[in-house]
Protein backbone atom coordinates (compact mmCIF):
# COMPACT_ATOMS: atom_id res chain seq x y z
CA UNK A 1 0.00 0.00 0.00
CA UNK A 2 1.63 3.17 -1.16
CA UNK A 3 1.46 6.69 0.12
CA UNK A 4 -1.09 7.66 -2.55
CA UNK A 5 -3.32 4.81 -1.49
CA UNK A 6 -3.11 5.80 2.16
CA UNK A 7 -3.92 9.43 1.31
CA UNK A 8 -6.89 8.34 -0.79
CA UNK A 9 -8.20 6.19 2.08
CA UNK A 10 -7.73 9.10 4.51
CA UNK A 11 -9.62 11.45 2.19
CA UNK A 12 -12.50 8.96 1.95
CA UNK A 13 -12.63 8.61 5.73
CA UNK A 14 -12.57 12.40 6.14
CA UNK A 15 -15.31 12.81 3.55
CA UNK A 16 -17.48 10.17 5.26
CA UNK A 17 -16.95 11.85 8.62
CA UNK A 18 -17.93 15.25 7.22
CA UNK A 19 -21.07 13.75 5.65
CA UNK A 20 -21.96 12.12 8.96
CA UNK A 21 -21.48 15.46 10.75
CA UNK A 22 -23.71 17.20 8.18
CA UNK A 23 -26.43 14.57 8.59
CA UNK A 24 -26.18 14.82 12.38
CA UNK A 25 -26.54 18.61 12.21
CA UNK A 26 -29.60 18.27 9.95
CA UNK A 27 -31.19 15.75 12.31
CA UNK A 28 -30.63 18.06 15.28
CA UNK A 29 -32.08 21.03 13.38
CA UNK A 30 -35.15 18.98 12.38
CA UNK A 31 -35.63 17.79 15.95
CA UNK A 32 -35.46 21.36 17.24
CA UNK A 33 -37.97 22.51 14.62
CA UNK A 34 -40.35 19.71 15.57
CA UNK A 35 -39.97 20.54 19.25
CA UNK A 36 -40.77 24.20 18.55
CA UNK A 37 -43.83 23.16 16.53
CA UNK A 38 -45.05 20.94 19.38
CA UNK A 39 -44.51 23.83 21.83
CA UNK A 40 -46.55 26.16 19.59
CA UNK A 41 -49.35 23.59 19.36
CA UNK A 42 -49.30 23.21 23.16
CA UNK A 43 -49.47 26.98 23.66
CA UNK A 44 -52.34 27.32 21.17
CA UNK A 45 -54.21 24.48 22.84
CA UNK A 46 -53.76 25.96 26.31
CA UNK A 47 -54.90 29.37 25.04
CA UNK A 48 -58.00 27.84 23.49
CA UNK A 49 -58.80 25.92 26.68
CA UNK A 50 -58.44 29.13 28.69
CA UNK A 51 -60.79 30.97 26.31
CA UNK A 52 -63.38 28.20 26.52
CA UNK A 53 -63.20 28.17 30.32
CA UNK A 54 -63.71 31.93 30.42
CA UNK A 55 -66.66 31.69 28.04
CA UNK A 56 -68.26 28.97 30.16
CA UNK A 57 -67.75 31.01 33.32
CA UNK A 58 -69.32 34.12 31.75
CA UNK A 59 -72.24 32.14 30.31
CA UNK A 60 -72.88 30.48 33.67
CA UNK A 61 -72.94 33.85 35.39
CA UNK A 62 -75.34 35.22 32.77
CA UNK A 63 -77.59 32.18 33.08
CA UNK A 64 -77.64 32.50 36.85
CA UNK A 65 -78.48 36.18 36.56
CA UNK A 66 -81.36 35.36 34.19
CA UNK A 67 -82.65 32.64 36.51
CA UNK A 68 -82.46 34.99 39.48
CA UNK A 69 -84.33 37.70 37.56
CA UNK A 70 -87.07 35.23 36.60
CA UNK A 71 -87.32 33.94 40.16
CA UNK A 72 -87.42 37.50 41.48
CA UNK A 73 -90.12 38.39 38.95
CA UNK A 74 -92.13 35.29 39.97
CA UNK A 75 -91.91 36.17 43.65
CA UNK A 76 -92.89 39.80 43.11
CA UNK A 77 -95.97 38.87 41.06
C-alpha atoms as a PDB file:
ATOM      1  CA  UNK A   1       0.000   0.000   0.000  1.00  0.00           C
ATOM      2  CA  UNK A   2       1.631   3.170  -1.164  1.00  0.00           C
ATOM      3  CA  UNK A   3       1.461   6.687   0.117  1.00  0.00           C
ATOM      4  CA  UNK A   4      -1.095   7.661  -2.553  1.00  0.00           C
ATOM      5  CA  UNK A   5      -3.322   4.811  -1.490  1.00  0.00           C
ATOM      6  CA  UNK A   6      -3.112   5.804   2.163  1.00  0.00           C
ATOM      7  CA  UNK A   7      -3.918   9.432   1.308  1.00  0.00           C
ATOM      8  CA  UNK A   8      -6.886   8.342  -0.789  1.00  0.00           C
ATOM      9  CA  UNK A   9      -8.205   6.194   2.082  1.00  0.00           C
ATOM     10  CA  UNK A  10      -7.735   9.100   4.511  1.00  0.00           C
ATOM     11  CA  UNK A  11      -9.622  11.447   2.186  1.00  0.00           C
ATOM     12  CA  UNK A  12     -12.500   8.961   1.946  1.00  0.00           C
ATOM     13  CA  UNK A  13     -12.634   8.614   5.726  1.00  0.00           C
ATOM     14  CA  UNK A  14     -12.568  12.403   6.143  1.00  0.00           C
ATOM     15  CA  UNK A  15     -15.309  12.812   3.552  1.00  0.00           C
ATOM     16  CA  UNK A  16     -17.482  10.173   5.258  1.00  0.00           C
ATOM     17  CA  UNK A  17     -16.946  11.854   8.619  1.00  0.00           C
ATOM     18  CA  UNK A  18     -17.934  15.251   7.221  1.00  0.00           C
ATOM     19  CA  UNK A  19     -21.066  13.751   5.646  1.00  0.00           C
ATOM     20  CA  UNK A  20     -21.959  12.119   8.960  1.00  0.00           C
ATOM     21  CA  UNK A  21     -21.479  15.456  10.749  1.00  0.00           C
ATOM     22  CA  UNK A  22     -23.711  17.201   8.185  1.00  0.00           C
ATOM     23  CA  UNK A  23     -26.426  14.568   8.592  1.00  0.00           C
ATOM     24  CA  UNK A  24     -26.179  14.816  12.377  1.00  0.00           C
ATOM     25  CA  UNK A  25     -26.539  18.608  12.212  1.00  0.00           C
ATOM     26  CA  UNK A  26     -29.598  18.266   9.953  1.00  0.00           C
ATOM     27  CA  UNK A  27     -31.186  15.746  12.309  1.00  0.00           C
ATOM     28  CA  UNK A  28     -30.630  18.059  15.278  1.00  0.00           C
ATOM     29  CA  UNK A  29     -32.084  21.033  13.384  1.00  0.00           C
ATOM     30  CA  UNK A  30     -35.149  18.981  12.377  1.00  0.00           C
ATOM     31  CA  UNK A  31     -35.629  17.785  15.951  1.00  0.00           C
ATOM     32  CA  UNK A  32     -35.459  21.358  17.238  1.00  0.00           C
ATOM     33  CA  UNK A  33     -37.973  22.514  14.622  1.00  0.00           C
ATOM     34  CA  UNK A  34     -40.353  19.713  15.571  1.00  0.00           C
ATOM     35  CA  UNK A  35     -39.970  20.542  19.245  1.00  0.00           C
ATOM     36  CA  UNK A  36     -40.773  24.196  18.553  1.00  0.00           C
ATOM     37  CA  UNK A  37     -43.829  23.164  16.531  1.00  0.00           C
ATOM     38  CA  UNK A  38     -45.046  20.936  19.381  1.00  0.00           C
ATOM     39  CA  UNK A  39     -44.507  23.826  21.828  1.00  0.00           C
ATOM     40  CA  UNK A  40     -46.552  26.159  19.591  1.00  0.00           C
ATOM     41  CA  UNK A  41     -49.353  23.590  19.364  1.00  0.00           C
ATOM     42  CA  UNK A  42     -49.298  23.207  23.156  1.00  0.00           C
ATOM     43  CA  UNK A  43     -49.468  26.976  23.661  1.00  0.00           C
ATOM     44  CA  UNK A  44     -52.336  27.317  21.166  1.00  0.00           C
ATOM     45  CA  UNK A  45     -54.211  24.476  22.839  1.00  0.00           C
ATOM     46  CA  UNK A  46     -53.758  25.955  26.310  1.00  0.00           C
ATOM     47  CA  UNK A  47     -54.898  29.371  25.045  1.00  0.00           C
ATOM     48  CA  UNK A  48     -58.004  27.838  23.489  1.00  0.00           C
ATOM     49  CA  UNK A  49     -58.798  25.918  26.681  1.00  0.00           C
ATOM     50  CA  UNK A  50     -58.444  29.132  28.691  1.00  0.00           C
ATOM     51  CA  UNK A  51     -60.786  30.971  26.309  1.00  0.00           C
ATOM     52  CA  UNK A  52     -63.378  28.195  26.522  1.00  0.00           C
ATOM     53  CA  UNK A  53     -63.203  28.169  30.321  1.00  0.00           C
ATOM     54  CA  UNK A  54     -63.706  31.928  30.419  1.00  0.00           C
ATOM     55  CA  UNK A  55     -66.665  31.686  28.044  1.00  0.00           C
ATOM     56  CA  UNK A  56     -68.256  28.965  30.160  1.00  0.00           C
ATOM     57  CA  UNK A  57     -67.754  31.014  33.324  1.00  0.00           C
ATOM     58  CA  UNK A  58     -69.320  34.122  31.755  1.00  0.00           C
ATOM     59  CA  UNK A  59     -72.240  32.135  30.311  1.00  0.00           C
ATOM     60  CA  UNK A  60     -72.882  30.483  33.675  1.00  0.00           C
ATOM     61  CA  UNK A  61     -72.938  33.847  35.389  1.00  0.00           C
ATOM     62  CA  UNK A  62     -75.338  35.223  32.770  1.00  0.00           C
ATOM     63  CA  UNK A  63     -77.586  32.178  33.080  1.00  0.00           C
ATOM     64  CA  UNK A  64     -77.643  32.495  36.854  1.00  0.00           C
ATOM     65  CA  UNK A  65     -78.484  36.183  36.561  1.00  0.00           C
ATOM     66  CA  UNK A  66     -81.359  35.362  34.193  1.00  0.00           C
ATOM     67  CA  UNK A  67     -82.653  32.641  36.514  1.00  0.00           C
ATOM     68  CA  UNK A  68     -82.456  34.992  39.484  1.00  0.00           C
ATOM     69  CA  UNK A  69     -84.333  37.700  37.562  1.00  0.00           C
ATOM     70  CA  UNK A  70     -87.069  35.231  36.596  1.00  0.00           C
ATOM     71  CA  UNK A  71     -87.315  33.943  40.164  1.00  0.00           C
ATOM     72  CA  UNK A  72     -87.419  37.498  41.483  1.00  0.00           C
ATOM     73  CA  UNK A  73     -90.123  38.385  38.953  1.00  0.00           C
ATOM     74  CA  UNK A  74     -92.132  35.292  39.969  1.00  0.00           C
ATOM     75  CA  UNK A  75     -91.910  36.173  43.646  1.00  0.00           C
ATOM     76  CA  UNK A  76     -92.891  39.802  43.107  1.00  0.00           C
ATOM     77  CA  UNK A  77     -95.973  38.865  41.060  1.00  0.00           C
END
